[in-house]
C-alpha atoms as a PDB file:
ATOM      1  CA  UNK A   1      98.930  92.071  95.474  1.00  0.00           C
ATOM      2  CA  UNK A   2     101.990  90.346  96.916  1.00  0.00           C
ATOM      3  CA  UNK A   3     104.302  92.403  99.098  1.00  0.00           C
ATOM      4  CA  UNK A   4     107.863  91.291  99.721  1.00  0.00           C
ATOM      5  CA  UNK A   5     110.379  92.812 102.100  1.00  0.00           C
ATOM      6  CA  UNK A   6     114.020  93.385 101.301  1.00  0.00           C
ATOM      7  CA  UNK A   7     116.545  92.563 104.004  1.00  0.00           C
ATOM      8  CA  UNK A   8     116.496  96.242 104.917  1.00  0.00           C
ATOM      9  CA  UNK A   9     112.789  95.917 105.709  1.00  0.00           C
ATOM     10  CA  UNK A  10     111.481  98.147 102.935  1.00  0.00           C
ATOM     11  CA  UNK A  11     108.405  96.828 101.151  1.00  0.00           C
ATOM     12  CA  UNK A  12     108.677  95.824  97.528  1.00  0.00           C
ATOM     13  CA  UNK A  13     105.747  95.083  95.270  1.00  0.00           C
ATOM     14  CA  UNK A  14     106.734  92.058  93.234  1.00  0.00           C
ATOM     15  CA  UNK A  15     105.074  93.418  90.116  1.00  0.00           C
ATOM     16  CA  UNK A  16     106.985  96.705  90.218  1.00  0.00           C
ATOM     17  CA  UNK A  17     110.246  95.745  91.866  1.00  0.00           C
ATOM     18  CA  UNK A  18     113.475  96.572  90.100  1.00  0.00           C
ATOM     19  CA  UNK A  19     115.246  93.958  92.218  1.00  0.00           C
ATOM     20  CA  UNK A  20     113.571  90.658  91.375  1.00  0.00           C
ATOM     21  CA  UNK A  21     115.942  88.887  93.757  1.00  0.00           C
ATOM     22  CA  UNK A  22     113.758  90.286  96.543  1.00  0.00           C
ATOM     23  CA  UNK A  23     111.821  87.021  96.441  1.00  0.00           C
ATOM     24  CA  UNK A  24     114.886  85.305  97.892  1.00  0.00           C
ATOM     25  CA  UNK A  25     114.852  87.758 100.806  1.00  0.00           C
ATOM     26  CA  UNK A  26     111.437  86.754 102.142  1.00  0.00           C
ATOM     27  CA  UNK A  27     111.361  86.694 105.907  1.00  0.00           C
ATOM     28  CA  UNK A  28     109.732  84.175 108.181  1.00  0.00           C
ATOM     29  CA  UNK A  29     106.399  85.068 109.780  1.00  0.00           C
ATOM     30  CA  UNK A  30     108.146  85.669 113.125  1.00  0.00           C
ATOM     31  CA  UNK A  31     109.817  88.735 111.651  1.00  0.00           C
ATOM     32  CA  UNK A  32     106.399  90.241 110.894  1.00  0.00           C
ATOM     33  CA  UNK A  33     105.308  90.110 114.555  1.00  0.00           C
ATOM     34  CA  UNK A  34     105.143  93.160 116.778  1.00  0.00           C
ATOM     35  CA  UNK A  35     107.131  92.553 119.966  1.00  0.00           C
ATOM     36  CA  UNK A  36     104.588  94.576 121.949  1.00  0.00           C
ATOM     37  CA  UNK A  37     101.268  92.924 121.001  1.00  0.00           C
ATOM     38  CA  UNK A  38     102.859  89.712 119.627  1.00  0.00           C
ATOM     39  CA  UNK A  39     100.594  89.831 116.577  1.00  0.00           C
ATOM     40  CA  UNK A  40     101.293  90.484 112.890  1.00  0.00           C
ATOM     41  CA  UNK A  41     102.066  94.174 112.292  1.00  0.00           C
ATOM     42  CA  UNK A  42      99.148  96.490 111.657  1.00  0.00           C
ATOM     43  CA  UNK A  43     100.186  99.841 110.198  1.00  0.00           C
ATOM     44  CA  UNK A  44     103.890  99.043 110.808  1.00  0.00           C
ATOM     45  CA  UNK A  45     106.433 101.724 111.652  1.00  0.00           C
ATOM     46  CA  UNK A  46     110.198 101.522 112.101  1.00  0.00           C
ATOM     47  CA  UNK A  47     112.288 103.257 114.736  1.00  0.00           C
ATOM     48  CA  UNK A  48     115.522 105.010 113.712  1.00  0.00           C
ATOM     49  CA  UNK A  49     117.453 102.031 115.113  1.00  0.00           C
ATOM     50  CA  UNK A  50     115.540  99.620 112.868  1.00  0.00           C
ATOM     51  CA  UNK A  51     113.022  98.030 115.230  1.00  0.00           C
ATOM     52  CA  UNK A  52     109.503  97.555 113.863  1.00  0.00           C
ATOM     53  CA  UNK A  53     106.197  97.883 115.707  1.00  0.00           C
ATOM     54  CA  UNK A  54     102.509  98.451 115.062  1.00  0.00           C
ATOM     55  CA  UNK A  55     101.944 102.202 114.962  1.00  0.00           C
ATOM     56  CA  UNK A  56      99.262 101.978 117.670  1.00  0.00           C
ATOM     57  CA  UNK A  57     101.437  99.822 119.945  1.00  0.00           C
ATOM     58  CA  UNK A  58     104.490 102.070 119.865  1.00  0.00           C
ATOM     59  CA  UNK A  59     102.309 105.176 120.262  1.00  0.00           C
ATOM     60  CA  UNK A  60     100.710 103.707 123.397  1.00  0.00           C
ATOM     61  CA  UNK A  61     104.119 102.794 124.825  1.00  0.00           C
ATOM     62  CA  UNK A  62     105.479 106.290 124.086  1.00  0.00           C
ATOM     63  CA  UNK A  63     102.437 107.866 125.762  1.00  0.00           C
ATOM     64  CA  UNK A  64     102.820 105.621 128.815  1.00  0.00           C
ATOM     65  CA  UNK A  65     106.533 106.428 129.144  1.00  0.00           C
ATOM     66  CA  UNK A  66     105.898 110.160 128.718  1.00  0.00           C
ATOM     67  CA  UNK A  67     103.294 110.053 131.482  1.00  0.00           C
ATOM     68  CA  UNK A  68     105.685 108.156 133.775  1.00  0.00           C
ATOM     69  CA  UNK A  69     108.444 110.717 133.149  1.00  0.00           C
ATOM     70  CA  UNK A  70     106.045 113.579 133.924  1.00  0.00           C
ATOM     71  CA  UNK A  71     105.028 111.916 137.207  1.00  0.00           C
ATOM     72  CA  UNK A  72     108.661 111.259 138.117  1.00  0.00           C
ATOM     73  CA  UNK A  73     109.568 114.896 137.476  1.00  0.00           C
ATOM     74  CA  UNK A  74     106.706 116.046 139.721  1.00  0.00           C
ATOM     75  CA  UNK A  75     107.936 113.889 142.590  1.00  0.00           C
ATOM     76  CA  UNK A  76     111.612 114.754 142.132  1.00  0.00           C
ATOM     77  CA  UNK A  77     111.003 118.515 142.036  1.00  0.00           C
ATOM     78  CA  UNK A  78     109.101 118.497 145.372  1.00  0.00           C
END
């Protein structure tokens, strides 16, 4: 099964796509790389601002940042 991505980043199955011009919107492999792990996306997710990451990668980053904020708040409130 071949998956194509429109310029907006939404997946399109070639066999069921209403917009057959999607084939002309194929992206280079670099655009399928997570900027956190630098590998091809696994279970990709998009942020509201349009950045794409592996779900695991962005979850780990969010957890790390949340923990840092909690530690900062502990030290500031003392």
